[in-house]
Amino acid sequence: MLTLSLGSSFLFAAEEVMTIEQVNWIPTIVVSLLLLAALAVFSYTTKAGIIARATTKEAVRQPVFLLCMSLAIVVLVMNYFIPFFTLGEDVKMVKDCGLATILITGLLIAVWTASTSVAEEIDGKTAMTLLSKPINRRQFVVGKYIGILQAILWYMLPVVTVFLVLIYLKVNYDAHEGSKPVPTHAERIHEVYQVMPGVALLIMEIVVMSAISVAISTRLPMVVNLTSCFAIFVVGHLTGLLVQGGVLKLEFVQFMARLIATALPALELFNISAAVATGALIPPDYLGLSAIYCAAYSGIAILMAFILFEDRDLA
């Protein structure tokens, strides 16, 4: 009776903690739903929305989209069955590898779509035909960017669903393989809940890189765009290391490192590998500040795209 009472008390406490955490996330969920509603209204009530819908359809139909989606799901399922030999920490490895897989494939879709939808249309004179209609260049850029984001959302929907379901099942699978007690529903949901902020942050990272890719595509071809975005992605995750005190001794090198860190996005802000490794929960405040940074940097990148595309010769 005592064991049953303690077990019931523990389950109640876990469910109570989950309830409190879910209540704290209500504003984040409401803001996300409002953003999705605004995106839908934009797509069906504006001229740029027409371009956005066409870009989304084009992106979803291209082979790279289906290839990346299939590859991501296959890798996620493989991570579920592959033993990582982490002494009971396989769930954390599944989370970390899954987030990396979703991020890389999502970035590939975003950059590839920006290259094919913006750069190739400009080079192929398709953009000139579109701009001959009552659509200006800024509407063209915004429409392309929003269309890419909508394609990313369509990619995220099935992939993230599979990812979260696999985490839920992996908790029980790991316990069975390690001859541990069967985890409760609350414990499994807690593991799923812990990784959801990471999904939101990697979407923000893709949003930032998509804006940069669109800006580059207004002037440069696909190969240069892919190479540039790859370099920005790598350096963007190293900006914190570039400006650490005591590592860079030369004043000129420190100045250049700080200049690069200021100009390029601080993508390491969207990385929660440390939180996944320690099992920590990301507070909503951090998500909010990251969202503000994402919106600000994406806005600057799109403004740069306006400037670069404004005097681009389309003839």
Protein backbone atom coordinates (compact mmCIF):
# COMPACT_ATOMS: atom_id res chain seq x y z
CA MET A 1 0.00 0.00 0.00
CA LEU A 2 2.84 2.36 0.83
CA THR A 3 4.51 1.73 -2.54
CA LEU A 4 1.23 2.27 -4.37
CA SER A 5 0.64 5.49 -2.46
CA LEU A 6 4.14 6.81 -3.25
CA GLY A 7 3.73 5.88 -6.91
CA SER A 8 0.39 7.68 -7.11
CA SER A 9 1.87 10.74 -5.41
CA PHE A 10 4.80 10.81 -7.84
CA LEU A 11 2.50 10.51 -10.86
CA PHE A 12 0.26 13.27 -9.55
CA ALA A 13 3.26 15.51 -8.95
CA ALA A 14 4.62 14.88 -12.45
CA GLU A 15 1.26 15.61 -14.03
CA GLU A 16 0.94 18.76 -11.94
CA VAL A 17 4.37 19.97 -13.09
CA MET A 18 3.40 19.28 -16.70
CA THR A 19 0.17 21.24 -16.23
CA ILE A 20 2.06 24.23 -14.85
CA GLU A 21 4.58 24.09 -17.72
CA GLN A 22 1.81 23.90 -20.30
CA VAL A 23 0.05 26.90 -18.74
CA ASN A 24 3.30 28.89 -18.95
CA TRP A 25 3.48 28.12 -22.67
CA ILE A 26 -0.05 29.28 -23.48
CA PRO A 27 1.11 32.77 -24.67
CA THR A 28 3.67 31.17 -26.98
CA ILE A 29 1.05 28.87 -28.49
CA VAL A 30 -1.39 31.78 -28.95
CA VAL A 31 1.27 33.91 -30.68
CA SER A 32 2.18 30.99 -32.98
CA LEU A 33 -1.47 30.51 -33.98
CA LEU A 34 -1.86 34.23 -34.65
CA LEU A 35 1.24 34.20 -36.87
CA LEU A 36 -0.13 31.26 -38.85
CA ALA A 37 -3.47 33.05 -39.26
CA ALA A 38 -1.68 36.23 -40.43
CA LEU A 39 0.30 34.14 -42.91
CA ALA A 40 -2.89 32.63 -44.32
CA VAL A 41 -4.54 36.06 -44.62
CA PHE A 42 -1.45 37.45 -46.36
CA SER A 43 -1.38 34.59 -48.87
CA TYR A 44 -5.00 35.05 -49.96
CA THR A 45 -5.57 38.81 -49.73
CA THR A 46 -2.44 40.45 -51.19
CA LYS A 47 -0.66 40.54 -54.54
CA ALA A 48 2.52 39.26 -52.93
CA GLY A 49 0.45 36.41 -51.53
CA ILE A 50 -0.25 35.20 -55.07
CA ILE A 51 3.49 34.88 -55.67
CA ALA A 52 3.87 33.21 -52.26
CA ARG A 53 1.30 30.53 -53.07
CA ALA A 54 2.88 29.85 -56.46
CA THR A 55 6.33 29.60 -54.84
CA THR A 56 5.03 27.18 -52.21
CA LYS A 57 3.44 24.93 -54.84
CA GLU A 58 6.63 24.99 -56.89
CA ALA A 59 8.76 24.14 -53.85
CA VAL A 60 6.55 21.27 -52.68
CA ARG A 61 6.50 19.70 -56.15
CA GLN A 62 10.25 19.74 -56.71
CA PRO A 63 12.14 16.43 -56.16
CA VAL A 64 14.48 17.97 -53.56
CA PHE A 65 11.53 18.63 -51.25
CA LEU A 66 10.30 15.03 -51.32
CA LEU A 67 13.85 13.68 -51.17
CA CYS A 68 14.75 15.73 -48.08
CA MET A 69 11.48 14.86 -46.36
CA SER A 70 11.92 11.14 -47.04
CA LEU A 71 15.57 11.23 -46.01
CA ALA A 72 14.76 13.02 -42.76
CA ILE A 73 12.04 10.52 -41.83
CA VAL A 74 14.28 7.54 -42.66
CA VAL A 75 17.13 8.92 -40.54
CA LEU A 76 14.76 9.64 -37.65
CA VAL A 77 13.43 6.07 -37.74
CA MET A 78 16.98 4.69 -37.92
CA ASN A 79 17.94 6.75 -34.85
CA TYR A 80 15.04 5.12 -33.02
CA PHE A 81 16.42 1.59 -33.50
CA ILE A 82 20.18 2.23 -33.53
CA PRO A 83 21.77 1.75 -30.08
CA PHE A 84 24.02 4.67 -29.14
CA PHE A 85 25.67 2.89 -26.17
CA THR A 86 25.17 5.93 -23.95
CA LEU A 87 24.36 4.02 -20.74
CA GLY A 88 20.69 4.89 -20.62
CA GLU A 89 20.88 8.25 -22.39
CA ASP A 90 19.75 7.11 -25.84
CA VAL A 91 16.67 9.35 -25.68
CA LYS A 92 18.89 12.43 -25.49
CA MET A 93 20.91 11.22 -28.46
CA VAL A 94 17.72 10.66 -30.45
CA LYS A 95 16.67 14.24 -29.66
CA ASP A 96 20.04 15.75 -30.59
CA CYS A 97 20.46 13.76 -33.81
CA GLY A 98 16.83 14.36 -34.76
CA LEU A 99 17.08 18.12 -34.35
CA ALA A 100 20.27 18.19 -36.42
CA THR A 101 18.65 16.10 -39.16
CA ILE A 102 15.56 18.30 -39.36
CA LEU A 103 17.69 21.46 -39.39
CA ILE A 104 20.04 20.36 -42.17
CA THR A 105 17.32 19.03 -44.48
CA GLY A 106 15.12 22.07 -43.81
CA LEU A 107 17.98 24.44 -44.63
CA LEU A 108 18.69 22.55 -47.83
CA ILE A 109 15.06 22.91 -48.93
CA ALA A 110 15.01 26.63 -48.07
CA VAL A 111 18.27 27.52 -49.82
CA TRP A 112 17.54 25.32 -52.84
CA THR A 113 14.06 26.83 -53.23
CA ALA A 114 15.43 30.37 -52.95
CA SER A 115 18.00 29.60 -55.63
CA THR A 116 15.56 27.99 -58.07
CA SER A 117 12.67 30.34 -57.39
CA VAL A 118 14.52 33.66 -57.32
CA ALA A 119 17.89 33.37 -59.08
CA GLU A 120 16.74 31.12 -61.91
CA GLU A 121 13.58 33.14 -62.54
CA ILE A 122 15.67 36.29 -62.83
CA ASP A 123 18.17 34.64 -65.16
CA GLY A 124 15.39 32.98 -67.16
CA LYS A 125 13.52 36.30 -67.64
CA THR A 126 10.44 34.88 -65.84
CA ALA A 127 10.72 37.58 -63.21
CA MET A 128 10.50 40.26 -65.90
CA THR A 129 7.18 38.79 -67.06
CA LEU A 130 5.81 38.83 -63.51
CA LEU A 131 6.94 42.39 -62.90
CA SER A 132 5.26 43.58 -66.09
CA LYS A 133 1.99 42.97 -64.25
CA PRO A 134 0.78 45.22 -61.37
CA ILE A 135 3.38 43.71 -59.02
CA ASN A 136 6.43 45.69 -57.95
CA ARG A 137 9.85 44.35 -57.04
CA ARG A 138 9.32 44.50 -53.29
CA GLN A 139 6.14 42.46 -53.56
CA PHE A 140 8.06 39.97 -55.67
CA VAL A 141 10.78 39.55 -53.02
CA VAL A 142 8.34 39.36 -50.11
CA GLY A 143 6.14 36.89 -51.98
CA LYS A 144 9.10 34.63 -52.72
CA TYR A 145 10.26 34.75 -49.11
CA ILE A 146 6.84 34.00 -47.63
CA GLY A 147 6.37 31.19 -50.16
CA ILE A 148 9.63 29.59 -49.04
CA LEU A 149 8.54 29.82 -45.38
CA GLN A 150 5.21 28.20 -46.22
CA ALA A 151 7.03 25.35 -47.96
CA ILE A 152 9.19 24.89 -44.86
CA LEU A 153 6.04 24.67 -42.70
CA TRP A 154 4.64 21.97 -44.98
CA TYR A 155 7.94 20.12 -44.63
CA MET A 156 7.98 20.49 -40.85
CA LEU A 157 4.44 19.21 -40.30
CA PRO A 158 5.01 15.50 -41.09
CA VAL A 159 8.69 15.38 -40.12
CA VAL A 160 8.27 16.96 -36.69
CA THR A 161 5.18 14.81 -36.02
CA VAL A 162 7.20 11.66 -36.71
CA PHE A 163 10.06 13.01 -34.58
CA LEU A 164 7.87 13.68 -31.53
CA VAL A 165 6.08 10.33 -31.81
CA LEU A 166 9.41 8.51 -31.99
CA ILE A 167 10.64 10.31 -28.86
CA TYR A 168 7.46 9.30 -27.03
CA LEU A 169 7.95 5.67 -28.04
CA LYS A 170 11.74 5.73 -27.48
CA VAL A 171 11.31 6.40 -23.76
CA ASN A 172 9.43 3.13 -23.32
CA TYR A 173 11.72 1.28 -25.75
CA ASP A 174 14.82 2.45 -23.86
CA ALA A 175 13.35 1.43 -20.52
CA HIS A 176 12.49 -2.03 -21.89
CA GLU A 177 16.00 -2.52 -23.32
CA GLY A 178 17.57 -1.49 -20.00
CA SER A 179 15.20 -3.59 -17.87
CA LYS A 180 13.90 -0.46 -16.16
CA PRO A 181 10.39 0.18 -14.82
CA VAL A 182 7.83 1.06 -17.46
CA PRO A 183 7.74 4.87 -17.74
CA THR A 184 4.46 6.64 -17.12
CA HIS A 185 2.60 8.66 -19.71
CA ALA A 186 3.60 11.85 -17.89
CA GLU A 187 7.29 10.94 -18.10
CA ARG A 188 7.06 10.29 -21.85
CA ILE A 189 5.18 13.51 -22.47
CA HIS A 190 7.81 15.37 -20.45
CA GLU A 191 10.55 14.14 -22.80
CA VAL A 192 8.50 15.23 -25.81
CA TYR A 193 7.78 18.57 -24.20
CA GLN A 194 11.45 19.16 -23.44
CA VAL A 195 12.46 19.02 -27.12
CA MET A 196 9.64 21.18 -28.53
CA PRO A 197 11.46 24.50 -27.87
CA GLY A 198 14.35 23.11 -29.89
CA VAL A 199 12.01 22.57 -32.83
CA ALA A 200 10.81 26.16 -32.54
CA LEU A 201 14.39 27.48 -32.42
CA LEU A 202 15.53 25.52 -35.46
CA ILE A 203 12.54 26.88 -37.39
CA MET A 204 13.73 30.39 -36.42
CA GLU A 205 17.21 29.53 -37.69
CA ILE A 206 15.77 28.37 -41.01
CA VAL A 207 13.73 31.58 -41.21
CA VAL A 208 16.90 33.67 -40.82
CA MET A 209 18.90 31.63 -43.33
CA SER A 210 16.00 31.75 -45.81
CA ALA A 211 16.01 35.55 -45.70
CA ILE A 212 19.77 35.60 -46.28
CA SER A 213 19.43 33.14 -49.16
CA VAL A 214 16.72 35.26 -50.81
CA ALA A 215 18.92 38.35 -50.54
CA ILE A 216 21.89 36.55 -52.10
CA SER A 217 19.69 35.05 -54.84
CA THR A 218 18.69 38.49 -56.10
CA ARG A 219 22.24 38.96 -57.38
CA LEU A 220 24.08 35.64 -57.50
CA PRO A 221 23.39 32.24 -59.13
CA MET A 222 22.54 28.97 -57.38
CA VAL A 223 26.05 27.59 -56.86
CA VAL A 224 27.31 30.79 -55.27
CA ASN A 225 24.18 31.02 -53.14
CA LEU A 226 24.57 27.47 -51.81
CA THR A 227 28.25 28.01 -51.08
CA SER A 228 27.69 31.37 -49.40
CA CYS A 229 24.85 30.08 -47.22
CA PHE A 230 26.96 27.10 -46.15
CA ALA A 231 29.82 29.43 -45.16
CA ILE A 232 27.46 31.76 -43.28
CA PHE A 233 25.91 28.78 -41.50
CA VAL A 234 29.30 27.51 -40.31
CA VAL A 235 30.67 30.90 -39.29
CA GLY A 236 27.34 31.90 -37.72
CA HIS A 237 27.69 29.02 -35.26
CA LEU A 238 31.24 30.09 -34.41
CA THR A 239 30.70 33.80 -33.79
CA GLY A 240 30.73 33.29 -30.02
CA LEU A 241 34.11 31.57 -30.18
CA LEU A 242 35.52 34.29 -32.44
CA VAL A 243 35.06 37.04 -29.86
CA GLN A 244 35.99 35.19 -26.68
CA GLY A 245 38.36 37.22 -24.54
CA GLY A 246 41.88 35.94 -24.26
CA VAL A 247 41.70 33.73 -27.34
CA LEU A 248 42.46 36.37 -29.95
CA LYS A 249 45.50 38.41 -28.97
CA LEU A 250 45.95 40.76 -31.94
CA GLU A 251 43.82 43.89 -31.88
CA PHE A 252 43.17 43.81 -35.64
CA VAL A 253 42.09 40.17 -35.48
CA GLN A 254 39.77 40.95 -32.58
CA PHE A 255 38.27 43.85 -34.53
CA MET A 256 37.66 41.69 -37.59
CA ALA A 257 36.19 38.91 -35.45
CA ARG A 258 33.77 41.33 -33.79
CA LEU A 259 32.87 42.83 -37.17
CA ILE A 260 32.08 39.37 -38.57
CA ALA A 261 30.11 38.47 -35.44
CA THR A 262 28.09 41.68 -35.80
CA ALA A 263 27.39 41.35 -39.51
CA LEU A 264 26.61 37.63 -39.60
CA PRO A 265 23.73 36.05 -37.66
CA ALA A 266 24.48 34.56 -34.25
CA LEU A 267 23.06 31.15 -35.14
CA GLU A 268 24.41 29.59 -31.96
CA LEU A 269 21.54 31.33 -30.15
CA PHE A 270 19.21 28.78 -31.74
CA ASN A 271 21.29 25.78 -30.68
CA ILE A 272 19.99 23.90 -27.60
CA SER A 273 22.30 20.88 -27.66
CA ALA A 274 23.48 21.69 -24.14
CA ALA A 275 19.91 21.87 -22.86
CA VAL A 276 19.07 18.54 -24.50
CA ALA A 277 22.16 16.93 -22.97
CA THR A 278 21.26 18.10 -19.47
CA GLY A 279 17.52 17.58 -19.82
CA ALA A 280 16.81 21.24 -19.05
CA LEU A 281 13.67 23.05 -20.19
CA ILE A 282 14.00 26.17 -22.34
CA PRO A 283 12.03 29.03 -20.72
CA PRO A 284 9.47 30.92 -22.83
CA ASP A 285 11.42 34.16 -22.23
CA TYR A 286 14.39 32.77 -24.14
CA LEU A 287 12.12 31.77 -27.00
CA GLY A 288 10.61 35.24 -27.05
CA LEU A 289 13.99 36.99 -27.22
CA SER A 290 15.15 34.55 -29.91
CA ALA A 291 12.00 35.27 -31.91
CA ILE A 292 12.66 39.03 -31.67
CA TYR A 293 16.23 38.52 -32.89
CA CYS A 294 14.98 36.25 -35.69
CA ALA A 295 12.42 38.82 -36.83
CA ALA A 296 14.92 41.70 -36.66
CA TYR A 297 17.69 39.94 -38.59
CA SER A 298 15.27 38.50 -41.16
CA GLY A 299 13.81 41.97 -41.67
CA ILE A 300 17.28 43.42 -42.24
CA ALA A 301 18.10 40.66 -44.74
CA ILE A 302 14.87 41.28 -46.67
CA LEU A 303 15.57 45.03 -46.71
CA MET A 304 18.99 44.22 -48.14
CA ALA A 305 17.23 42.09 -50.77
CA PHE A 306 15.08 45.12 -51.67
CA ILE A 307 18.21 47.22 -52.17
CA LEU A 308 20.03 44.59 -54.21
CA PHE A 309 17.02 43.83 -56.40
CA GLU A 310 15.84 47.42 -56.90
CA ASP A 311 18.39 48.28 -59.59
CA ARG A 312 18.91 44.75 -60.93
CA ASP A 313 18.71 44.73 -64.73
CA LEU A 314 16.14 42.10 -65.75
CA ALA A 315 16.34 42.64 -69.51
